[in-house]
């Protein structure tokens, strides 16, 4: 299972084009309505990834079906991002270098996992 997530300032359509070559082998993709585009769905079909959990946008002329039960599982990943943003250093992005920022995220994730256990 793959979760599509892009930074806040980036359009999901542009972000989707950037991740085409980096998409791992997966069976199903969970994404929000911003990823409901024919080009993105065609790229997923070419890689044999089901886009059954991307809900259609409200302005789509021919609505696509999607798995509501699978889409509801997306909240688990969203909750992890919300908990990461409780860490001030991560929420405000104090680190200048990407590798330092990623290290801070990894440390926060380890501590969060350790507390849950």
PDB file of N, CA and C in Angstrom:
ATOM      1  N   UNK A   1       0.835  -1.162   0.000  1.00  0.00           N
ATOM      2  CA  UNK A   1       0.000   0.000   0.000  1.00  0.00           C
ATOM      3  C   UNK A   1       0.889   1.237   0.000  1.00  0.00           C
ATOM      4  N   UNK A   2       0.539   2.220  -0.794  1.00  0.00           N
ATOM      5  CA  UNK A   2       1.302   3.458  -0.909  1.00  0.00           C
ATOM      6  C   UNK A   2       0.397   4.606  -0.525  1.00  0.00           C
ATOM      7  N   UNK A   3       0.918   5.549   0.205  1.00  0.00           N
ATOM      8  CA  UNK A   3       0.189   6.763   0.531  1.00  0.00           C
ATOM      9  C   UNK A   3       0.837   7.912  -0.212  1.00  0.00           C
ATOM     10  N   UNK A   4       0.057   8.664  -0.979  1.00  0.00           N
ATOM     11  CA  UNK A   4       0.576   9.832  -1.688  1.00  0.00           C
ATOM     12  C   UNK A   4       0.462  11.040  -0.790  1.00  0.00           C
ATOM     13  N   UNK A   5       1.544  11.723  -0.605  1.00  0.00           N
ATOM     14  CA  UNK A   5       1.541  12.944   0.191  1.00  0.00           C
ATOM     15  C   UNK A   5       2.543  13.902  -0.412  1.00  0.00           C
ATOM     16  N   UNK A   6       2.132  15.157  -0.562  1.00  0.00           N
ATOM     17  CA  UNK A   6       3.040  16.172  -1.084  1.00  0.00           C
ATOM     18  C   UNK A   6       3.024  17.369  -0.141  1.00  0.00           C
ATOM     19  N   UNK A   7       4.020  18.227  -0.288  1.00  0.00           N
ATOM     20  CA  UNK A   7       4.110  19.394   0.596  1.00  0.00           C
ATOM     21  C   UNK A   7       2.933  20.322   0.367  1.00  0.00           C
ATOM     22  N   UNK A   8       2.650  21.155   1.337  1.00  0.00           N
ATOM     23  CA  UNK A   8       1.465  21.996   1.312  1.00  0.00           C
ATOM     24  C   UNK A   8       1.401  22.988   0.169  1.00  0.00           C
ATOM     25  N   UNK A   9       2.545  23.506  -0.285  1.00  0.00           N
ATOM     26  CA  UNK A   9       2.547  24.528  -1.325  1.00  0.00           C
ATOM     27  C   UNK A   9       2.493  23.931  -2.731  1.00  0.00           C
ATOM     28  N   UNK A  10       2.618  22.638  -2.844  1.00  0.00           N
ATOM     29  CA  UNK A  10       2.710  21.988  -4.143  1.00  0.00           C
ATOM     30  C   UNK A  10       1.363  21.415  -4.557  1.00  0.00           C
ATOM     31  N   UNK A  11       0.961  21.688  -5.779  1.00  0.00           N
ATOM     32  CA  UNK A  11      -0.272  21.111  -6.302  1.00  0.00           C
ATOM     33  C   UNK A  11      -0.133  19.596  -6.368  1.00  0.00           C
ATOM     34  N   UNK A  12      -1.199  18.901  -6.053  1.00  0.00           N
ATOM     35  CA  UNK A  12      -1.135  17.438  -6.072  1.00  0.00           C
ATOM     36  C   UNK A  12      -0.863  16.891  -7.471  1.00  0.00           C
ATOM     37  N   UNK A  13      -1.341  17.581  -8.501  1.00  0.00           N
ATOM     38  CA  UNK A  13      -1.087  17.109  -9.865  1.00  0.00           C
ATOM     39  C   UNK A  13       0.402  17.189 -10.199  1.00  0.00           C
ATOM     40  N   UNK A  14       1.053  18.263  -9.794  1.00  0.00           N
ATOM     41  CA  UNK A  14       2.494  18.409 -10.035  1.00  0.00           C
ATOM     42  C   UNK A  14       3.264  17.406  -9.182  1.00  0.00           C
ATOM     43  N   UNK A  15       2.860  17.267  -7.929  1.00  0.00           N
ATOM     44  CA  UNK A  15       3.508  16.299  -7.042  1.00  0.00           C
ATOM     45  C   UNK A  15       3.372  14.875  -7.548  1.00  0.00           C
ATOM     46  N   UNK A  16       2.233  14.553  -8.127  1.00  0.00           N
ATOM     47  CA  UNK A  16       2.018  13.210  -8.658  1.00  0.00           C
ATOM     48  C   UNK A  16       2.958  12.929  -9.831  1.00  0.00           C
ATOM     49  N   UNK A  17       3.165  13.929 -10.679  1.00  0.00           N
ATOM     50  CA  UNK A  17       4.080  13.753 -11.805  1.00  0.00           C
ATOM     51  C   UNK A  17       5.513  13.528 -11.329  1.00  0.00           C
ATOM     52  N   UNK A  18       5.868  14.157 -10.208  1.00  0.00           N
ATOM     53  CA  UNK A  18       7.221  14.001  -9.675  1.00  0.00           C
ATOM     54  C   UNK A  18       7.466  12.615  -9.086  1.00  0.00           C
ATOM     55  N   UNK A  19       6.412  11.961  -8.601  1.00  0.00           N
ATOM     56  CA  UNK A  19       6.617  10.661  -7.959  1.00  0.00           C
ATOM     57  C   UNK A  19       6.448   9.475  -8.899  1.00  0.00           C
ATOM     58  N   UNK A  20       6.083   9.710 -10.161  1.00  0.00           N
ATOM     59  CA  UNK A  20       5.939   8.587 -11.098  1.00  0.00           C
ATOM     60  C   UNK A  20       7.150   7.654 -11.095  1.00  0.00           C
ATOM     61  N   UNK A  21       8.377   8.165 -11.293  1.00  0.00           N
ATOM     62  CA  UNK A  21       9.519   7.244 -11.357  1.00  0.00           C
ATOM     63  C   UNK A  21       9.870   6.630 -10.002  1.00  0.00           C
ATOM     64  N   UNK A  22       9.495   7.275  -8.909  1.00  0.00           N
ATOM     65  CA  UNK A  22       9.885   6.794  -7.578  1.00  0.00           C
ATOM     66  C   UNK A  22       8.824   5.912  -6.923  1.00  0.00           C
ATOM     67  N   UNK A  23       7.695   5.705  -7.592  1.00  0.00           N
ATOM     68  CA  UNK A  23       6.639   4.896  -6.978  1.00  0.00           C
ATOM     69  C   UNK A  23       7.109   3.464  -6.776  1.00  0.00           C
ATOM     70  N   UNK A  24       6.992   2.950  -5.558  1.00  0.00           N
ATOM     71  CA  UNK A  24       7.383   1.566  -5.312  1.00  0.00           C
ATOM     72  C   UNK A  24       6.326   0.596  -5.838  1.00  0.00           C
ATOM     73  N   UNK A  25       6.701  -0.649  -5.922  1.00  0.00           N
ATOM     74  CA  UNK A  25       5.731  -1.664  -6.317  1.00  0.00           C
ATOM     75  C   UNK A  25       4.714  -1.821  -5.193  1.00  0.00           C
ATOM     76  N   UNK A  26       3.464  -1.686  -5.521  1.00  0.00           N
ATOM     77  CA  UNK A  26       2.395  -1.797  -4.535  1.00  0.00           C
ATOM     78  C   UNK A  26       1.158  -2.327  -5.238  1.00  0.00           C
ATOM     79  N   UNK A  27       0.203  -2.764  -4.463  1.00  0.00           N
ATOM     80  CA  UNK A  27      -1.047  -3.263  -5.029  1.00  0.00           C
ATOM     81  C   UNK A  27      -2.124  -2.190  -5.059  1.00  0.00           C
ATOM     82  N   UNK A  28      -2.142  -1.339  -4.011  1.00  0.00           N
ATOM     83  CA  UNK A  28      -3.194  -0.340  -3.860  1.00  0.00           C
ATOM     84  C   UNK A  28      -2.571   0.997  -3.491  1.00  0.00           C
ATOM     85  N   UNK A  29      -3.177   2.082  -3.957  1.00  0.00           N
ATOM     86  CA  UNK A  29      -2.725   3.417  -3.605  1.00  0.00           C
ATOM     87  C   UNK A  29      -3.852   4.136  -2.873  1.00  0.00           C
ATOM     88  N   UNK A  30      -3.506   4.767  -1.754  1.00  0.00           N
ATOM     89  CA  UNK A  30      -4.466   5.589  -1.027  1.00  0.00           C
ATOM     90  C   UNK A  30      -4.079   7.041  -1.262  1.00  0.00           C
ATOM     91  N   UNK A  31      -5.000   7.813  -1.789  1.00  0.00           N
ATOM     92  CA  UNK A  31      -4.747   9.227  -2.037  1.00  0.00           C
ATOM     93  C   UNK A  31      -6.020  10.019  -1.832  1.00  0.00           C
ATOM     94  N   UNK A  32      -5.887  11.338  -1.715  1.00  0.00           N
ATOM     95  CA  UNK A  32      -7.085  12.152  -1.550  1.00  0.00           C
ATOM     96  C   UNK A  32      -7.600  12.607  -2.913  1.00  0.00           C
ATOM     97  N   UNK A  33      -8.628  13.440  -2.894  1.00  0.00           N
ATOM     98  CA  UNK A  33      -9.272  13.865  -4.137  1.00  0.00           C
ATOM     99  C   UNK A  33      -8.343  14.632  -5.064  1.00  0.00           C
ATOM    100  N   UNK A  34      -7.301  15.232  -4.513  1.00  0.00           N
ATOM    101  CA  UNK A  34      -6.358  15.979  -5.337  1.00  0.00           C
ATOM    102  C   UNK A  34      -5.601  15.108  -6.326  1.00  0.00           C
ATOM    103  N   UNK A  35      -5.534  13.820  -6.072  1.00  0.00           N
ATOM    104  CA  UNK A  35      -4.828  12.897  -6.963  1.00  0.00           C
ATOM    105  C   UNK A  35      -5.756  12.240  -7.976  1.00  0.00           C
ATOM    106  N   UNK A  36      -7.013  12.665  -8.018  1.00  0.00           N
ATOM    107  CA  UNK A  36      -7.971  12.087  -8.957  1.00  0.00           C
ATOM    108  C   UNK A  36      -7.822  12.759 -10.314  1.00  0.00           C
ATOM    109  N   UNK A  37      -6.872  12.282 -11.064  1.00  0.00           N
ATOM    110  CA  UNK A  37      -6.650  12.784 -12.417  1.00  0.00           C
ATOM    111  C   UNK A  37      -6.445  11.613 -13.362  1.00  0.00           C
ATOM    112  N   UNK A  38      -6.882  11.770 -14.595  1.00  0.00           N
ATOM    113  CA  UNK A  38      -6.778  10.671 -15.554  1.00  0.00           C
ATOM    114  C   UNK A  38      -5.321  10.294 -15.826  1.00  0.00           C
ATOM    115  N   UNK A  39      -4.427  11.288 -15.910  1.00  0.00           N
ATOM    116  CA  UNK A  39      -3.017  10.996 -16.187  1.00  0.00           C
ATOM    117  C   UNK A  39      -2.407  10.180 -15.048  1.00  0.00           C
ATOM    118  N   UNK A  40      -2.733  10.550 -13.814  1.00  0.00           N
ATOM    119  CA  UNK A  40      -2.196   9.835 -12.664  1.00  0.00           C
ATOM    120  C   UNK A  40      -2.764   8.420 -12.598  1.00  0.00           C
ATOM    121  N   UNK A  41      -4.050   8.277 -12.863  1.00  0.00           N
ATOM    122  CA  UNK A  41      -4.660   6.942 -12.865  1.00  0.00           C
ATOM    123  C   UNK A  41      -4.075   6.068 -13.981  1.00  0.00           C
ATOM    124  N   UNK A  42      -3.799   6.670 -15.139  1.00  0.00           N
ATOM    125  CA  UNK A  42      -3.181   5.911 -16.235  1.00  0.00           C
ATOM    126  C   UNK A  42      -1.775   5.448 -15.856  1.00  0.00           C
ATOM    127  N   UNK A  43      -1.019   6.318 -15.163  1.00  0.00           N
ATOM    128  CA  UNK A  43       0.324   5.932 -14.715  1.00  0.00           C
ATOM    129  C   UNK A  43       0.256   4.795 -13.702  1.00  0.00           C
ATOM    130  N   UNK A  44      -0.746   4.838 -12.841  1.00  0.00           N
ATOM    131  CA  UNK A  44      -0.919   3.750 -11.877  1.00  0.00           C
ATOM    132  C   UNK A  44      -1.291   2.443 -12.573  1.00  0.00           C
ATOM    133  N   UNK A  45      -2.188   2.532 -13.539  1.00  0.00           N
ATOM    134  CA  UNK A  45      -2.577   1.334 -14.291  1.00  0.00           C
ATOM    135  C   UNK A  45      -1.396   0.728 -15.034  1.00  0.00           C
ATOM    136  N   UNK A  46      -0.515   1.567 -15.558  1.00  0.00           N
ATOM    137  CA  UNK A  46       0.668   1.075 -16.258  1.00  0.00           C
ATOM    138  C   UNK A  46       1.586   0.296 -15.321  1.00  0.00           C
ATOM    139  N   UNK A  47       1.594   0.664 -14.040  1.00  0.00           N
ATOM    140  CA  UNK A  47       2.420  -0.026 -13.043  1.00  0.00           C
ATOM    141  C   UNK A  47       1.644  -1.088 -12.287  1.00  0.00           C
ATOM    142  N   UNK A  48       0.393  -1.340 -12.716  1.00  0.00           N
ATOM    143  CA  UNK A  48      -0.489  -2.355 -12.118  1.00  0.00           C
ATOM    144  C   UNK A  48      -0.774  -2.069 -10.643  1.00  0.00           C
ATOM    145  N   UNK A  49      -1.013  -0.785 -10.343  1.00  0.00           N
ATOM    146  CA  UNK A  49      -1.392  -0.361  -8.994  1.00  0.00           C
ATOM    147  C   UNK A  49      -2.848   0.086  -9.052  1.00  0.00           C
ATOM    148  N   UNK A  50      -3.674  -0.463  -8.162  1.00  0.00           N
ATOM    149  CA  UNK A  50      -5.084  -0.092  -8.132  1.00  0.00           C
ATOM    150  C   UNK A  50      -5.256   1.253  -7.444  1.00  0.00           C
ATOM    151  N   UNK A  51      -6.038   2.113  -8.050  1.00  0.00           N
ATOM    152  CA  UNK A  51      -6.348   3.418  -7.461  1.00  0.00           C
ATOM    153  C   UNK A  51      -7.762   3.380  -6.903  1.00  0.00           C
ATOM    154  N   UNK A  52      -8.125   2.273  -6.292  1.00  0.00           N
ATOM    155  CA  UNK A  52      -9.506   2.099  -5.843  1.00  0.00           C
ATOM    156  C   UNK A  52      -9.832   2.901  -4.598  1.00  0.00           C
ATOM    157  N   UNK A  53      -8.859   3.534  -3.982  1.00  0.00           N
ATOM    158  CA  UNK A  53      -9.157   4.293  -2.776  1.00  0.00           C
ATOM    159  C   UNK A  53      -8.895   5.786  -2.949  1.00  0.00           C
ATOM    160  N   UNK A  54      -8.991   6.272  -4.186  1.00  0.00           N
ATOM    161  CA  UNK A  54      -8.929   7.708  -4.454  1.00  0.00           C
ATOM    162  C   UNK A  54     -10.352   8.147  -4.786  1.00  0.00           C
ATOM    163  N   UNK A  55     -10.990   8.929  -3.907  1.00  0.00           N
ATOM    164  CA  UNK A  55     -12.364   9.352  -4.204  1.00  0.00           C
ATOM    165  C   UNK A  55     -12.390  10.339  -5.363  1.00  0.00           C
ATOM    166  N   UNK A  56     -13.449  10.309  -6.173  1.00  0.00           N
ATOM    167  CA  UNK A  56     -13.520  11.228  -7.316  1.00  0.00           C
ATOM    168  C   UNK A  56     -13.800  12.663  -6.869  1.00  0.00           C
ATOM    169  N   UNK A  57     -13.267  13.617  -7.625  1.00  0.00           N
ATOM    170  CA  UNK A  57     -13.555  15.026  -7.356  1.00  0.00           C
ATOM    171  C   UNK A  57     -15.020  15.307  -7.671  1.00  0.00           C
ATOM    172  N   UNK A  58     -15.548  16.336  -7.052  1.00  0.00           N
ATOM    173  CA  UNK A  58     -16.974  16.650  -7.221  1.00  0.00           C
ATOM    174  C   UNK A  58     -17.294  17.155  -8.631  1.00  0.00           C
ATOM    175  N   UNK A  59     -16.312  17.720  -9.337  1.00  0.00           N
ATOM    176  CA  UNK A  59     -16.575  18.258 -10.673  1.00  0.00           C
ATOM    177  C   UNK A  59     -16.274  17.261 -11.793  1.00  0.00           C
ATOM    178  N   UNK A  60     -16.005  16.014 -11.462  1.00  0.00           N
ATOM    179  CA  UNK A  60     -15.721  14.989 -12.481  1.00  0.00           C
ATOM    180  C   UNK A  60     -17.007  14.656 -13.229  1.00  0.00           C
ATOM    181  N   UNK A  61     -16.945  14.626 -14.568  1.00  0.00           N
ATOM    182  CA  UNK A  61     -18.142  14.360 -15.368  1.00  0.00           C
ATOM    183  C   UNK A  61     -18.566  12.897 -15.283  1.00  0.00           C
ATOM    184  N   UNK A  62     -17.600  11.997 -15.265  1.00  0.00           N
ATOM    185  CA  UNK A  62     -17.920  10.571 -15.106  1.00  0.00           C
ATOM    186  C   UNK A  62     -17.299  10.090 -13.795  1.00  0.00           C
ATOM    187  N   UNK A  63     -18.106  10.014 -12.735  1.00  0.00           N
ATOM    188  CA  UNK A  63     -17.553   9.626 -11.436  1.00  0.00           C
ATOM    189  C   UNK A  63     -16.955   8.225 -11.455  1.00  0.00           C
ATOM    190  N   UNK A  64     -15.831   8.075 -10.782  1.00  0.00           N
ATOM    191  CA  UNK A  64     -15.168   6.775 -10.648  1.00  0.00           C
ATOM    192  C   UNK A  64     -15.559   6.145  -9.323  1.00  0.00           C
ATOM    193  N   UNK A  65     -15.573   4.837  -9.295  1.00  0.00           N
ATOM    194  CA  UNK A  65     -15.875   4.149  -8.036  1.00  0.00           C
ATOM    195  C   UNK A  65     -14.601   4.046  -7.203  1.00  0.00           C
ATOM    196  N   UNK A  66     -14.769   3.933  -5.900  1.00  0.00           N
ATOM    197  CA  UNK A  66     -13.629   3.784  -5.007  1.00  0.00           C
ATOM    198  C   UNK A  66     -14.072   3.015  -3.766  1.00  0.00           C
ATOM    199  N   UNK A  67     -13.115   2.495  -3.049  1.00  0.00           N
ATOM    200  CA  UNK A  67     -13.387   1.706  -1.856  1.00  0.00           C
ATOM    201  C   UNK A  67     -13.467   2.638  -0.641  1.00  0.00           C
ATOM    202  N   UNK A  68     -14.670   2.849  -0.142  1.00  0.00           N
ATOM    203  CA  UNK A  68     -14.841   3.732   1.014  1.00  0.00           C
ATOM    204  C   UNK A  68     -14.205   3.144   2.266  1.00  0.00           C
ATOM    205  N   UNK A  69     -14.280   1.846   2.418  1.00  0.00           N
ATOM    206  CA  UNK A  69     -13.700   1.222   3.618  1.00  0.00           C
ATOM    207  C   UNK A  69     -12.176   1.336   3.618  1.00  0.00           C
ATOM    208  N   UNK A  70     -11.550   1.178   2.459  1.00  0.00           N
ATOM    209  CA  UNK A  70     -10.099   1.318   2.373  1.00  0.00           C
ATOM    210  C   UNK A  70      -9.678   2.775   2.537  1.00  0.00           C
ATOM    211  N   UNK A  71     -10.469   3.702   2.005  1.00  0.00           N
ATOM    212  CA  UNK A  71     -10.149   5.122   2.133  1.00  0.00           C
ATOM    213  C   UNK A  71     -10.223   5.574   3.587  1.00  0.00           C
ATOM    214  N   UNK A  72     -11.089   4.948   4.374  1.00  0.00           N
ATOM    215  CA  UNK A  72     -11.200   5.301   5.798  1.00  0.00           C
ATOM    216  C   UNK A  72      -9.929   4.956   6.560  1.00  0.00           C
ATOM    217  N   UNK A  73      -9.113   4.045   6.055  1.00  0.00           N
ATOM    218  CA  UNK A  73      -7.862   3.671   6.708  1.00  0.00           C
ATOM    219  C   UNK A  73      -6.818   4.778   6.589  1.00  0.00           C
ATOM    220  N   UNK A  74      -7.045   5.742   5.715  1.00  0.00           N
ATOM    221  CA  UNK A  74      -6.106   6.837   5.495  1.00  0.00           C
ATOM    222  C   UNK A  74      -5.930   7.695   6.743  1.00  0.00           C
ATOM    223  N   UNK A  75      -6.925   7.717   7.609  1.00  0.00           N
ATOM    224  CA  UNK A  75      -6.841   8.549   8.805  1.00  0.00           C
ATOM    225  C   UNK A  75      -5.709   8.114   9.734  1.00  0.00           C
ATOM    226  N   UNK A  76      -5.319   6.865   9.683  1.00  0.00           N
ATOM    227  CA  UNK A  76      -4.224   6.393  10.537  1.00  0.00           C
ATOM    228  C   UNK A  76      -2.912   7.097  10.174  1.00  0.00           C
ATOM    229  N   UNK A  77      -2.665   7.256   8.902  1.00  0.00           N
ATOM    230  CA  UNK A  77      -1.457   7.946   8.447  1.00  0.00           C
ATOM    231  C   UNK A  77      -1.560   9.437   8.754  1.00  0.00           C
ATOM    232  N   UNK A  78      -2.738  10.011   8.554  1.00  0.00           N
ATOM    233  CA  UNK A  78      -2.937  11.420   8.866  1.00  0.00           C
ATOM    234  C   UNK A  78      -2.709  11.683  10.356  1.00  0.00           C
ATOM    235  N   UNK A  79      -3.104  10.736  11.222  1.00  0.00           N
ATOM    236  CA  UNK A  79      -2.889  10.895  12.661  1.00  0.00           C
ATOM    237  C   UNK A  79      -1.404  10.906  13.003  1.00  0.00           C
ATOM    238  N   UNK A  80      -0.607  10.105  12.307  1.00  0.00           N
ATOM    239  CA  UNK A  80       0.841  10.094  12.546  1.00  0.00           C
ATOM    240  C   UNK A  80       1.439  11.447  12.178  1.00  0.00           C
ATOM    241  N   UNK A  81       1.019  12.017  11.041  1.00  0.00           N
ATOM    242  CA  UNK A  81       1.510  13.336  10.653  1.00  0.00           C
ATOM    243  C   UNK A  81       1.095  14.383  11.684  1.00  0.00           C
ATOM    244  N   UNK A  82      -0.115  14.277  12.207  1.00  0.00           N
ATOM    245  CA  UNK A  82      -0.580  15.233  13.224  1.00  0.00           C
ATOM    246  C   UNK A  82       0.262  15.123  14.492  1.00  0.00           C
ATOM    247  N   UNK A  83       0.616  13.903  14.891  1.00  0.00           N
ATOM    248  CA  UNK A  83       1.440  13.718  16.088  1.00  0.00           C
ATOM    249  C   UNK A  83       2.863  14.221  15.853  1.00  0.00           C
ATOM    250  N   UNK A  84       3.373  14.064  14.654  1.00  0.00           N
ATOM    251  CA  UNK A  84       4.710  14.588  14.345  1.00  0.00           C
ATOM    252  C   UNK A  84       4.732  16.109  14.445  1.00  0.00           C
ATOM    253  N   UNK A  85       3.630  16.746  14.068  1.00  0.00           N
ATOM    254  CA  UNK A  85       3.577  18.203  14.110  1.00  0.00           C
ATOM    255  C   UNK A  85       3.460  18.737  15.536  1.00  0.00           C
ATOM    256  N   UNK A  86       3.238  17.853  16.516  1.00  0.00           N
ATOM    257  CA  UNK A  86       3.280  18.275  17.914  1.00  0.00           C
ATOM    258  C   UNK A  86       4.701  18.637  18.330  1.00  0.00           C
ATOM    259  N   UNK A  87       5.680  18.128  17.608  1.00  0.00           N
ATOM    260  CA  UNK A  87       7.077  18.443  17.875  1.00  0.00           C
ATOM    261  C   UNK A  87       7.370  19.801  17.237  1.00  0.00           C
ATOM    262  N   UNK A  88       7.690  20.771  18.061  1.00  0.00           N
ATOM    263  CA  UNK A  88       7.878  22.139  17.591  1.00  0.00           C
ATOM    264  C   UNK A  88       8.937  22.239  16.503  1.00  0.00           C
ATOM    265  N   UNK A  89      10.025  21.529  16.651  1.00  0.00           N
ATOM    266  CA  UNK A  89      11.120  21.585  15.677  1.00  0.00           C
ATOM    267  C   UNK A  89      10.647  21.135  14.294  1.00  0.00           C
ATOM    268  N   UNK A  90       9.761  20.162  14.265  1.00  0.00           N
ATOM    269  CA  UNK A  90       9.268  19.647  12.984  1.00  0.00           C
ATOM    270  C   UNK A  90       8.176  20.561  12.426  1.00  0.00           C
ATOM    271  N   UNK A  91       7.275  21.016  13.281  1.00  0.00           N
ATOM    272  CA  UNK A  91       6.164  21.859  12.832  1.00  0.00           C
ATOM    273  C   UNK A  91       6.651  23.177  12.240  1.00  0.00           C
ATOM    274  N   UNK A  92       7.713  23.756  12.820  1.00  0.00           N
ATOM    275  CA  UNK A  92       8.215  25.043  12.335  1.00  0.00           C
ATOM    276  C   UNK A  92       9.360  24.906  11.343  1.00  0.00           C
ATOM    277  N   UNK A  93       9.835  23.699  11.124  1.00  0.00           N
ATOM    278  CA  UNK A  93      10.907  23.407  10.158  1.00  0.00           C
ATOM    279  C   UNK A  93      12.142  24.263  10.415  1.00  0.00           C
ATOM    280  N   UNK A  94      12.662  24.159  11.642  1.00  0.00           N
ATOM    281  CA  UNK A  94      13.852  24.919  12.020  1.00  0.00           C
ATOM    282  C   UNK A  94      15.089  24.526  11.219  1.00  0.00           C
ATOM    283  N   UNK A  95      15.194  23.271  10.863  1.00  0.00           N
ATOM    284  CA  UNK A  95      16.408  22.776  10.211  1.00  0.00           C
ATOM    285  C   UNK A  95      16.518  23.301   8.790  1.00  0.00           C
ATOM    286  N   UNK A  96      17.721  23.724   8.431  1.00  0.00           N
ATOM    287  CA  UNK A  96      17.943  24.247   7.081  1.00  0.00           C
ATOM    288  C   UNK A  96      18.192  23.152   6.062  1.00  0.00           C
ATOM    289  N   UNK A  97      18.864  22.103   6.488  1.00  0.00           N
ATOM    290  CA  UNK A  97      19.197  21.014   5.566  1.00  0.00           C
ATOM    291  C   UNK A  97      18.116  19.930   5.608  1.00  0.00           C
ATOM    292  N   UNK A  98      17.836  19.365   4.441  1.00  0.00           N
ATOM    293  CA  UNK A  98      16.805  18.332   4.347  1.00  0.00           C
ATOM    294  C   UNK A  98      17.183  17.097   5.154  1.00  0.00           C
ATOM    295  N   UNK A  99      18.478  16.728   5.149  1.00  0.00           N
ATOM    296  CA  UNK A  99      18.867  15.511   5.880  1.00  0.00           C
ATOM    297  C   UNK A  99      18.749  15.712   7.394  1.00  0.00           C
ATOM    298  N   UNK A 100      18.974  16.926   7.888  1.00  0.00           N
ATOM    299  CA  UNK A 100      18.803  17.212   9.309  1.00  0.00           C
ATOM    300  C   UNK A 100      17.321  17.190   9.677  1.00  0.00           C
ATOM    301  N   UNK A 101      16.489  17.735   8.813  1.00  0.00           N
ATOM    302  CA  UNK A 101      15.042  17.717   9.043  1.00  0.00           C
ATOM    303  C   UNK A 101      14.529  16.280   9.062  1.00  0.00           C
ATOM    304  N   UNK A 102      14.996  15.463   8.124  1.00  0.00           N
ATOM    305  CA  UNK A 102      14.585  14.054   8.084  1.00  0.00           C
ATOM    306  C   UNK A 102      15.073  13.322   9.330  1.00  0.00           C
ATOM    307  N   UNK A 103      16.256  13.657   9.819  1.00  0.00           N
ATOM    308  CA  UNK A 103      16.767  13.038  11.043  1.00  0.00           C
ATOM    309  C   UNK A 103      15.877  13.381  12.231  1.00  0.00           C
ATOM    310  N   UNK A 104      15.420  14.626  12.303  1.00  0.00           N
ATOM    311  CA  UNK A 104      14.522  15.032  13.382  1.00  0.00           C
ATOM    312  C   UNK A 104      13.198  14.266  13.306  1.00  0.00           C
ATOM    313  N   UNK A 105      12.699  14.067  12.106  1.00  0.00           N
ATOM    314  CA  UNK A 105      11.471  13.292  11.928  1.00  0.00           C
ATOM    315  C   UNK A 105      11.674  11.855  12.387  1.00  0.00           C
ATOM    316  N   UNK A 106      12.818  11.263  12.039  1.00  0.00           N
ATOM    317  CA  UNK A 106      13.105   9.882  12.448  1.00  0.00           C
ATOM    318  C   UNK A 106      13.209   9.758  13.969  1.00  0.00           C
ATOM    319  N   UNK A 107      13.864  10.724  14.608  1.00  0.00           N
ATOM    320  CA  UNK A 107      13.986  10.690  16.068  1.00  0.00           C
ATOM    321  C   UNK A 107      12.596  10.820  16.708  1.00  0.00           C
ATOM    322  N   UNK A 108      11.780  11.731  16.204  1.00  0.00           N
ATOM    323  CA  UNK A 108      10.430  11.899  16.744  1.00  0.00           C
ATOM    324  C   UNK A 108       9.602  10.633  16.548  1.00  0.00           C
ATOM    325  N   UNK A 109       9.731  10.001  15.386  1.00  0.00           N
ATOM    326  CA  UNK A 109       8.976   8.775  15.119  1.00  0.00           C
ATOM    327  C   UNK A 109       9.397   7.646  16.052  1.00  0.00           C
ATOM    328  N   UNK A 110      10.696   7.536  16.312  1.00  0.00           N
ATOM    329  CA  UNK A 110      11.184   6.496  17.227  1.00  0.00           C
ATOM    330  C   UNK A 110      10.654   6.737  18.634  1.00  0.00           C
ATOM    331  N   UNK A 111      10.688   7.980  19.096  1.00  0.00           N
ATOM    332  CA  UNK A 111      10.187   8.297  20.431  1.00  0.00           C
ATOM    333  C   UNK A 111       8.684   8.039  20.520  1.00  0.00           C
ATOM    334  N   UNK A 112       7.946   8.435  19.472  1.00  0.00           N
ATOM    335  CA  UNK A 112       6.497   8.182  19.457  1.00  0.00           C
ATOM    336  C   UNK A 112       6.209   6.689  19.506  1.00  0.00           C
ATOM    337  N   UNK A 113       6.953   5.908  18.746  1.00  0.00           N
ATOM    338  CA  UNK A 113       6.756   4.454  18.722  1.00  0.00           C
ATOM    339  C   UNK A 113       7.108   3.860  20.082  1.00  0.00           C
ATOM    340  N   UNK A 114       8.159   4.362  20.704  1.00  0.00           N
ATOM    341  CA  UNK A 114       8.608   3.856  22.005  1.00  0.00           C
ATOM    342  C   UNK A 114       7.569   4.163  23.087  1.00  0.00           C
ATOM    343  N   UNK A 115       6.961   5.347  23.032  1.00  0.00           N
ATOM    344  CA  UNK A 115       5.941   5.718  24.012  1.00  0.00           C
ATOM    345  C   UNK A 115       4.690   4.855  23.858  1.00  0.00           C
ATOM    346  N   UNK A 116       4.316   4.557  22.627  1.00  0.00           N
ATOM    347  CA  UNK A 116       3.119   3.744  22.369  1.00  0.00           C
ATOM    348  C   UNK A 116       3.309   2.324  22.872  1.00  0.00           C
ATOM    349  N   UNK A 117       4.520   1.798  22.751  1.00  0.00           N
ATOM    350  CA  UNK A 117       4.782   0.426  23.178  1.00  0.00           C
ATOM    351  C   UNK A 117       4.746   0.379  24.644  1.00  0.00           C
TER     352      UNK A 117
END
